[in-house]
Amino acid sequence: MRRLSIFIATVLWSLTPLDQRLLSSLCLLLSLLAGAPATLAQTPARPPVDVTVVDIKLQDTAAAFEYTGKTESSREVEIRARITGYLDKIAYQEGGLVKQGQLLFQIDPRPFEEELDNTKGVLAREQARLDNARANLARIKPLARENAVSQKDLDDATAAVLASQADVQSAKAQVHQAEINLGYTTIRSPLTGLAGRSEKKVGSLISPSDSLLTTVVLLDPIWVNFAVGENELLKYQEQTASGRLRSPGVEGIQVELVQANGSVYPQKGRIDYVASTVDRQTGTLAMRAVVPNPTKALKPGQFMRVRIQGVTRPNVIMAPQRAVMQGPQGKFVFVVGPNNTAESRGIEVGEWYGDQWIVTKGLQAGDKVIVDGAVKLQPGAPLKILETPSSGPTAKP
């Protein structure tokens, strides 16, 4: 022991003052670790993370269905000539709005006026012959009763009256036909709508075999044609039958139109036609909506996004889109766990409604889903809940 003490003293004597201080500090630290662990400084606790949460609850939510549609006139009329004649006048503004009964085209009426006068003359001649035949019959009848004339004379006079009556009837029909043909020289619009360009120019010879003059389309109301895929149709039917969708029926559904610039058309329509069969080539079921168009803002041939409104999803769970994150195992959210700590929860989602995901699996009513601050969290992290906003949807689809 004495020799060990002498050795330690010799070693300490050979050390520099700095080495002696370092060695002294090391010895002190070893002694603290060995005999006084309670005096070590404790690791500071992790501070809670500020978060906001939403309370999950069951709610009825509007189901969003959107398709691509195309507008079509609800009534399109081809304006055609029914007679042969020369076009005298184009009386409307091509591409403009025309009123019902407005003059569109005028065909040269003079040949048809002459034809009408001629048929009236024939009618007058036949009427005169009928009057003469009746007078002759009136003279022969008394003579026949007295046997002053033969029975043949009476029969001939009676036949002459009947023949003249037939000739008068035929002449009247010719007059009526001439009046109709004269009326066909004036072509008016059968409806209020948008008139297309004229297919003929002034001075052109028009005939029934080449008779198309223009087209007038009805704008109010307007039709919107769209189609639903067979797979989506079967899915809709299955969810309706199982109670996951609640529909008011075709008559209760409203149709909203979104125009090419993203604006929503102010007038809502309704479905007035559903095809009886699925198209064999496209595998879709054709539908048609009728939409009021009082300002004539919609024109035939426009493409629209058609939104079906009125169908609801009863008792669904929704989570804000910004609370849902993507991990290696799929989508997940953080919820408030025991003792206000963060808990990771894997979920399955369905459709997206506004800024909300419809959650089909992983959450239940009463859960508190962390919205803001979730990106800073790890499982087990302490939480400081700042507020609890509503979990309902904040935007329309």
Protein backbone atom coordinates (compact mmCIF):
# COMPACT_ATOMS: atom_id res chain seq x y z
CA MET A 1 0.00 0.00 0.00
CA ARG A 2 2.86 2.33 0.81
CA ARG A 3 4.47 1.64 -2.52
CA LEU A 4 1.10 2.37 -4.32
CA SER A 5 0.80 5.67 -2.50
CA ILE A 6 4.36 6.63 -3.43
CA PHE A 7 3.60 5.72 -7.10
CA ILE A 8 0.41 7.82 -7.20
CA ALA A 9 2.19 10.79 -5.58
CA THR A 10 5.03 10.50 -8.12
CA VAL A 11 2.54 10.45 -11.00
CA LEU A 12 0.65 13.43 -9.66
CA TRP A 13 3.92 15.33 -9.14
CA SER A 14 4.82 14.79 -12.79
CA LEU A 15 1.50 16.18 -14.11
CA THR A 16 1.08 19.78 -15.17
CA PRO A 17 -1.38 21.96 -13.25
CA LEU A 18 -3.93 21.70 -16.12
CA ASP A 19 -3.68 17.89 -16.15
CA GLN A 20 -4.07 17.83 -12.40
CA ARG A 21 -7.33 19.85 -12.64
CA LEU A 22 -8.70 17.58 -15.38
CA LEU A 23 -7.86 14.47 -13.39
CA SER A 24 -9.45 15.96 -10.30
CA SER A 25 -12.68 16.74 -12.23
CA LEU A 26 -12.76 13.21 -13.65
CA CYS A 27 -12.40 11.70 -10.19
CA LEU A 28 -15.17 13.91 -8.89
CA LEU A 29 -17.47 12.87 -11.75
CA LEU A 30 -16.75 9.17 -11.12
CA SER A 31 -17.49 9.58 -7.47
CA LEU A 32 -20.80 11.32 -8.28
CA LEU A 33 -21.81 8.55 -10.67
CA ALA A 34 -20.88 5.89 -8.18
CA GLY A 35 -22.28 7.36 -5.00
CA ALA A 36 -24.70 10.22 -5.70
CA PRO A 37 -26.91 9.56 -8.77
CA ALA A 38 -29.75 11.62 -7.35
CA THR A 39 -27.70 14.77 -7.81
CA LEU A 40 -27.49 14.44 -11.63
CA ALA A 41 -29.47 17.00 -13.74
CA GLN A 42 -32.75 15.50 -15.12
CA THR A 43 -33.53 15.58 -18.94
CA PRO A 44 -36.14 18.33 -19.60
CA ALA A 45 -39.64 17.09 -20.67
CA ARG A 46 -40.77 17.68 -24.31
CA PRO A 47 -43.17 20.67 -24.50
CA PRO A 48 -46.73 20.01 -25.80
CA VAL A 49 -47.51 20.79 -29.44
CA ASP A 50 -50.21 23.37 -30.19
CA VAL A 51 -52.94 21.74 -32.28
CA THR A 52 -56.55 22.26 -33.33
CA VAL A 53 -58.99 19.37 -33.56
CA VAL A 54 -62.43 18.57 -34.91
CA ASP A 55 -65.01 16.38 -33.23
CA ILE A 56 -66.05 13.52 -35.49
CA LYS A 57 -69.78 12.87 -35.65
CA LEU A 58 -72.26 11.12 -37.92
CA GLN A 59 -73.96 13.46 -40.37
CA ASP A 60 -76.04 13.49 -43.53
CA THR A 61 -73.99 14.75 -46.45
CA ALA A 62 -74.93 15.66 -49.99
CA ALA A 63 -73.60 13.13 -52.49
CA ALA A 64 -71.75 14.67 -55.42
CA PHE A 65 -72.17 13.27 -58.94
CA GLU A 66 -70.67 15.11 -61.88
CA TYR A 67 -70.76 14.32 -65.59
CA THR A 68 -69.89 15.94 -68.90
CA GLY A 69 -72.89 17.19 -70.85
CA LYS A 70 -73.67 19.04 -74.05
CA THR A 71 -76.47 21.51 -74.66
CA GLU A 72 -79.08 20.95 -77.35
CA SER A 73 -82.09 22.91 -78.49
CA SER A 74 -85.31 21.53 -77.06
CA ARG A 75 -86.93 22.16 -80.43
CA GLU A 76 -85.11 22.54 -83.73
CA VAL A 77 -87.14 23.31 -86.86
CA GLU A 78 -85.86 23.19 -90.43
CA ILE A 79 -87.44 25.94 -92.50
CA ARG A 80 -88.14 24.52 -95.98
CA ALA A 81 -89.91 25.75 -99.09
CA ARG A 82 -93.01 23.81 -100.16
CA ILE A 83 -93.33 25.28 -103.65
CA THR A 84 -91.12 26.07 -106.62
CA GLY A 85 -90.34 29.73 -107.09
CA TYR A 86 -87.76 32.48 -107.02
CA LEU A 87 -86.63 33.90 -103.65
CA ASP A 88 -87.54 37.57 -103.53
CA LYS A 89 -86.54 38.56 -100.00
CA ILE A 90 -84.68 37.45 -96.86
CA ALA A 91 -86.51 39.30 -94.12
CA TYR A 92 -84.57 38.39 -90.95
CA GLN A 93 -81.13 38.95 -89.43
CA GLU A 94 -79.10 35.79 -89.93
CA GLY A 95 -77.98 34.38 -86.59
CA GLY A 96 -80.39 36.62 -84.71
CA LEU A 97 -83.39 36.01 -82.51
CA VAL A 98 -86.71 35.75 -84.35
CA LYS A 99 -90.23 35.84 -82.95
CA GLN A 100 -93.01 33.39 -83.64
CA GLY A 101 -94.87 34.50 -86.77
CA GLN A 102 -92.06 36.79 -87.94
CA LEU A 103 -91.48 36.92 -91.72
CA LEU A 104 -88.34 35.04 -92.73
CA PHE A 105 -88.49 34.60 -96.52
CA GLN A 106 -90.64 35.89 -99.35
CA ILE A 107 -90.97 33.90 -102.58
CA ASP A 108 -92.19 35.70 -105.72
CA PRO A 109 -96.01 35.47 -105.33
CA ARG A 110 -97.09 36.66 -108.82
CA PRO A 111 -97.33 33.25 -110.54
CA PHE A 112 -99.36 31.94 -107.64
CA GLU A 113 -101.66 34.97 -107.62
CA GLU A 114 -102.36 34.35 -111.31
CA GLU A 115 -103.03 30.69 -110.61
CA LEU A 116 -105.49 31.67 -107.88
CA ASP A 117 -107.31 34.07 -110.21
CA ASN A 118 -107.52 31.36 -112.88
CA THR A 119 -109.00 28.81 -110.48
CA LYS A 120 -111.51 31.36 -109.25
CA GLY A 121 -112.58 31.89 -112.86
CA VAL A 122 -113.02 28.16 -113.36
CA LEU A 123 -115.08 28.02 -110.19
CA ALA A 124 -117.31 30.84 -111.41
CA ARG A 125 -117.88 29.08 -114.75
CA GLU A 126 -118.75 25.81 -113.07
CA GLN A 127 -121.06 27.57 -110.68
CA ALA A 128 -122.88 29.15 -113.64
CA ARG A 129 -123.28 25.76 -115.28
CA LEU A 130 -124.68 24.37 -112.07
CA ASP A 131 -127.21 27.19 -111.85
CA ASN A 132 -128.29 26.55 -115.44
CA ALA A 133 -128.61 22.80 -114.85
CA ARG A 134 -130.74 23.39 -111.78
CA ALA A 135 -133.02 25.78 -113.70
CA ASN A 136 -133.40 23.27 -116.54
CA LEU A 137 -134.29 20.52 -114.05
CA ALA A 138 -136.84 22.80 -112.42
CA ARG A 139 -138.58 23.29 -115.79
CA ILE A 140 -138.56 19.59 -116.73
CA LYS A 141 -139.96 18.22 -113.46
CA PRO A 142 -143.56 19.63 -113.94
CA LEU A 143 -143.59 18.48 -117.57
CA ALA A 144 -142.47 15.01 -116.55
CA ARG A 145 -145.37 14.77 -114.08
CA GLU A 146 -147.76 15.54 -116.97
CA ASN A 147 -145.92 13.15 -119.29
CA ALA A 148 -145.07 16.06 -121.55
CA VAL A 149 -141.43 14.92 -121.67
CA SER A 150 -139.91 11.47 -121.55
CA GLN A 151 -138.37 9.92 -118.46
CA LYS A 152 -135.01 10.08 -120.20
CA ASP A 153 -135.21 13.84 -120.44
CA LEU A 154 -135.82 14.01 -116.69
CA ASP A 155 -132.93 11.66 -115.97
CA ASP A 156 -130.58 13.65 -118.19
CA ALA A 157 -131.50 16.90 -116.47
CA THR A 158 -130.97 15.35 -113.02
CA ALA A 159 -127.59 13.93 -114.06
CA ALA A 160 -126.55 17.32 -115.44
CA VAL A 161 -127.21 18.92 -112.05
CA LEU A 162 -125.21 16.25 -110.21
CA ALA A 163 -122.32 16.55 -112.65
CA SER A 164 -122.27 20.32 -112.31
CA GLN A 165 -122.25 20.03 -108.52
CA ALA A 166 -119.20 17.76 -108.78
CA ASP A 167 -117.46 20.20 -111.12
CA VAL A 168 -118.14 23.07 -108.69
CA GLN A 169 -116.72 21.03 -105.80
CA SER A 170 -113.58 20.27 -107.81
CA ALA A 171 -113.18 23.92 -108.78
CA LYS A 172 -113.49 24.95 -105.12
CA ALA A 173 -110.72 22.50 -104.22
CA GLN A 174 -108.49 23.98 -106.91
CA VAL A 175 -109.14 27.47 -105.55
CA HIS A 176 -108.28 26.28 -102.04
CA GLN A 177 -105.05 24.66 -103.26
CA ALA A 178 -104.10 27.83 -105.11
CA GLU A 179 -104.70 29.86 -101.94
CA ILE A 180 -102.46 27.44 -100.00
CA ASN A 181 -99.69 27.70 -102.58
CA LEU A 182 -99.92 31.48 -102.50
CA GLY A 183 -99.64 31.33 -98.71
CA TYR A 184 -96.49 29.21 -99.06
CA THR A 185 -94.77 32.14 -100.77
CA THR A 186 -94.65 33.87 -97.37
CA ILE A 187 -92.51 31.87 -94.92
CA ARG A 188 -92.77 32.80 -91.25
CA SER A 189 -91.06 31.48 -88.12
CA PRO A 190 -93.08 28.78 -86.34
CA LEU A 191 -91.47 29.59 -82.99
CA THR A 192 -89.42 32.13 -81.07
CA GLY A 193 -85.77 31.15 -81.27
CA LEU A 194 -82.40 31.62 -82.83
CA ALA A 195 -82.34 31.56 -86.64
CA GLY A 196 -79.37 30.24 -88.55
CA ARG A 197 -77.86 31.57 -91.73
CA SER A 198 -79.81 31.49 -94.97
CA GLU A 199 -78.96 28.56 -97.21
CA LYS A 200 -80.27 30.43 -100.28
CA LYS A 201 -79.62 33.85 -101.71
CA VAL A 202 -82.08 36.34 -103.12
CA GLY A 203 -82.94 35.42 -106.71
CA SER A 204 -82.31 31.69 -106.25
CA LEU A 205 -84.78 29.24 -107.69
CA ILE A 206 -86.20 27.15 -104.87
CA SER A 207 -87.96 23.82 -105.25
CA PRO A 208 -89.29 21.21 -102.84
CA SER A 209 -86.45 18.86 -103.80
CA ASP A 210 -83.87 21.44 -102.65
CA SER A 211 -85.92 23.28 -100.09
CA LEU A 212 -83.86 23.91 -96.92
CA LEU A 213 -83.73 27.64 -96.27
CA THR A 214 -82.55 27.90 -92.64
CA THR A 215 -82.99 26.43 -89.17
CA VAL A 216 -84.66 27.96 -86.13
CA VAL A 217 -83.80 26.57 -82.70
CA LEU A 218 -85.72 27.04 -79.47
CA LEU A 219 -83.48 28.31 -76.64
CA ASP A 220 -85.85 28.43 -73.68
CA PRO A 221 -85.88 25.87 -72.24
CA ILE A 222 -82.70 24.15 -73.39
CA TRP A 223 -81.73 20.49 -73.15
CA VAL A 224 -78.49 19.12 -71.70
CA ASN A 225 -77.56 15.58 -72.73
CA PHE A 226 -75.21 13.50 -70.59
CA ALA A 227 -74.52 9.84 -69.88
CA VAL A 228 -73.81 7.70 -66.80
CA GLY A 229 -71.37 4.80 -67.04
CA GLU A 230 -72.67 1.29 -66.43
CA ASN A 231 -70.26 0.66 -63.52
CA GLU A 232 -71.27 3.88 -61.79
CA LEU A 233 -74.92 3.10 -62.40
CA LEU A 234 -74.58 -0.33 -60.76
CA LYS A 235 -72.68 1.21 -57.84
CA TYR A 236 -75.42 3.81 -57.39
CA GLN A 237 -78.13 1.16 -57.42
CA GLU A 238 -76.25 -1.01 -54.91
CA GLN A 239 -75.62 1.88 -52.50
CA THR A 240 -79.24 3.01 -52.77
CA ALA A 241 -80.50 -0.49 -52.02
CA SER A 242 -78.17 -0.80 -49.00
CA GLY A 243 -79.18 2.58 -47.57
CA ARG A 244 -75.80 4.25 -48.08
CA LEU A 245 -77.44 6.61 -50.54
CA ARG A 246 -80.81 8.31 -50.16
CA SER A 247 -82.42 9.51 -53.40
CA PRO A 248 -85.62 11.53 -53.87
CA GLY A 249 -86.22 9.84 -57.23
CA VAL A 250 -85.69 11.24 -60.70
CA GLU A 251 -88.48 13.78 -60.26
CA GLY A 252 -86.85 15.21 -57.11
CA ILE A 253 -83.31 15.56 -58.45
CA GLN A 254 -81.98 18.97 -59.44
CA VAL A 255 -79.34 19.60 -62.10
CA GLU A 256 -76.70 22.29 -61.77
CA LEU A 257 -74.57 23.37 -64.74
CA VAL A 258 -70.95 24.50 -64.54
CA GLN A 259 -69.85 26.40 -67.64
CA ALA A 260 -66.49 26.18 -69.40
CA ASN A 261 -65.11 29.18 -67.48
CA GLY A 262 -65.96 27.56 -64.13
CA SER A 263 -68.99 29.73 -63.38
CA VAL A 264 -72.19 28.13 -62.16
CA TYR A 265 -75.24 28.77 -64.33
CA PRO A 266 -77.89 30.42 -62.11
CA GLN A 267 -80.86 28.36 -63.32
CA LYS A 268 -81.28 24.78 -62.13
CA GLY A 269 -82.92 22.09 -64.22
CA ARG A 270 -84.49 18.69 -63.82
CA ILE A 271 -84.08 15.33 -65.52
CA ASP A 272 -86.88 14.72 -68.01
CA TYR A 273 -85.56 11.69 -69.88
CA VAL A 274 -83.71 8.48 -68.97
CA ALA A 275 -82.95 5.95 -71.69
CA SER A 276 -84.61 2.57 -71.34
CA THR A 277 -81.46 0.64 -72.32
CA VAL A 278 -77.68 0.95 -71.92
CA ASP A 279 -75.87 1.87 -75.11
CA ARG A 280 -74.14 -1.24 -76.44
CA GLN A 281 -71.21 0.65 -77.93
CA THR A 282 -70.40 3.07 -75.11
CA GLY A 283 -71.71 1.15 -72.10
CA THR A 284 -73.50 4.24 -70.82
CA LEU A 285 -77.08 5.17 -69.95
CA ALA A 286 -78.20 8.34 -71.73
CA MET A 287 -80.01 11.02 -69.74
CA ARG A 288 -81.33 14.46 -70.50
CA ALA A 289 -81.98 17.50 -68.36
CA VAL A 290 -84.26 20.40 -69.24
CA VAL A 291 -82.98 23.77 -67.97
CA PRO A 292 -84.69 27.19 -68.10
CA ASN A 293 -82.81 29.65 -70.33
CA PRO A 294 -84.80 32.90 -70.13
CA THR A 295 -81.84 35.16 -71.01
CA LYS A 296 -80.80 32.94 -73.95
CA ALA A 297 -77.29 32.80 -72.44
CA LEU A 298 -76.89 29.11 -73.25
CA LYS A 299 -76.51 28.11 -76.88
CA PRO A 300 -76.82 24.64 -78.43
CA GLY A 301 -73.53 22.76 -78.70
CA GLN A 302 -71.90 24.03 -75.50
CA PHE A 303 -70.08 21.57 -73.22
CA MET A 304 -71.05 21.71 -69.54
CA ARG A 305 -70.26 19.92 -66.32
CA VAL A 306 -73.52 18.49 -65.03
CA ARG A 307 -73.88 18.20 -61.25
CA ILE A 308 -76.64 16.03 -59.80
CA GLN A 309 -78.07 17.47 -56.58
CA GLY A 310 -80.61 16.09 -54.14
CA VAL A 311 -79.02 12.72 -53.34
CA THR A 312 -77.66 12.40 -49.77
CA ARG A 313 -75.38 10.02 -47.87
CA PRO A 314 -76.93 9.40 -44.44
CA ASN A 315 -74.82 8.95 -41.28
CA VAL A 316 -71.35 9.30 -42.79
CA ILE A 317 -68.08 10.31 -41.15
CA MET A 318 -66.06 13.13 -42.70
CA ALA A 319 -62.58 14.43 -41.98
CA PRO A 320 -60.93 17.65 -43.24
CA GLN A 321 -58.70 17.07 -46.22
CA ARG A 322 -55.77 18.88 -44.60
CA ALA A 323 -55.88 16.47 -41.64
CA VAL A 324 -55.41 13.39 -43.84
CA MET A 325 -51.80 12.41 -44.56
CA GLN A 326 -50.22 9.78 -46.73
CA GLY A 327 -47.86 7.22 -45.22
CA PRO A 328 -46.14 4.02 -46.39
CA GLN A 329 -49.16 1.99 -45.27
CA GLY A 330 -51.75 4.36 -46.77
CA LYS A 331 -53.70 7.34 -45.51
CA PHE A 332 -53.76 8.16 -41.80
CA VAL A 333 -54.71 10.89 -39.34
CA PHE A 334 -53.61 11.86 -35.85
CA VAL A 335 -56.28 11.72 -33.15
CA VAL A 336 -56.23 12.81 -29.54
CA GLY A 337 -55.31 9.76 -27.49
CA PRO A 338 -55.16 9.12 -23.73
CA ASN A 339 -53.75 11.93 -21.59
CA ASN A 340 -53.92 14.36 -24.53
CA THR A 341 -51.23 12.58 -26.52
CA ALA A 342 -51.05 12.08 -30.29
CA GLU A 343 -52.20 8.76 -31.68
CA SER A 344 -51.74 7.72 -35.32
CA ARG A 345 -54.83 6.13 -36.90
CA GLY A 346 -54.92 4.46 -40.32
CA ILE A 347 -58.08 5.22 -42.33
CA GLU A 348 -59.79 4.39 -45.60
CA VAL A 349 -61.50 7.16 -47.54
CA GLY A 350 -64.22 7.29 -50.16
CA GLU A 351 -65.28 10.33 -52.17
CA TRP A 352 -64.08 13.88 -51.72
CA TYR A 353 -66.79 16.40 -50.84
CA GLY A 354 -65.71 20.05 -50.80
CA ASP A 355 -62.65 20.16 -48.52
CA GLN A 356 -63.67 16.98 -46.68
CA TRP A 357 -62.88 13.32 -47.17
CA ILE A 358 -65.64 10.80 -46.56
CA VAL A 359 -64.03 8.25 -44.22
CA THR A 360 -65.27 4.71 -44.70
CA LYS A 361 -63.04 2.99 -42.13
CA GLY A 362 -60.78 3.92 -39.20
CA LEU A 363 -62.77 6.64 -37.43
CA GLN A 364 -65.92 6.64 -35.35
CA ALA A 365 -68.21 9.21 -33.80
CA GLY A 366 -66.57 10.91 -30.80
CA ASP A 367 -62.98 10.80 -32.11
CA LYS A 368 -61.05 14.05 -32.06
CA VAL A 369 -59.02 14.42 -35.26
CA ILE A 370 -56.06 16.78 -35.22
CA VAL A 371 -56.23 19.30 -38.07
CA ASP A 372 -53.64 22.07 -37.66
CA GLY A 373 -50.27 21.08 -36.25
CA ALA A 374 -50.45 17.44 -37.30
CA VAL A 375 -47.30 17.67 -39.46
CA LYS A 376 -45.24 18.34 -36.30
CA LEU A 377 -46.47 15.28 -34.44
CA GLN A 378 -45.14 11.86 -33.64
CA PRO A 379 -47.11 9.13 -31.88
CA GLY A 380 -47.19 9.80 -28.14
CA ALA A 381 -46.40 13.50 -28.43
CA PRO A 382 -48.14 15.64 -25.79
CA LEU A 383 -50.80 18.01 -27.11
CA LYS A 384 -52.15 21.42 -26.31
CA ILE A 385 -55.60 21.78 -27.89
CA LEU A 386 -56.26 25.36 -28.92
CA GLU A 387 -59.77 25.16 -30.40
CA THR A 388 -62.37 22.73 -31.71
CA PRO A 389 -63.90 23.95 -34.99
CA SER A 390 -66.89 22.31 -36.63
CA SER A 391 -66.24 19.16 -38.68
CA GLY A 392 -68.91 19.88 -41.28
CA PRO A 393 -68.12 20.59 -44.94
CA THR A 394 -67.00 24.12 -45.69
CA ALA A 395 -67.32 24.16 -49.46
CA LYS A 396 -69.57 22.86 -52.16
CA PRO A 397 -68.22 20.25 -54.51
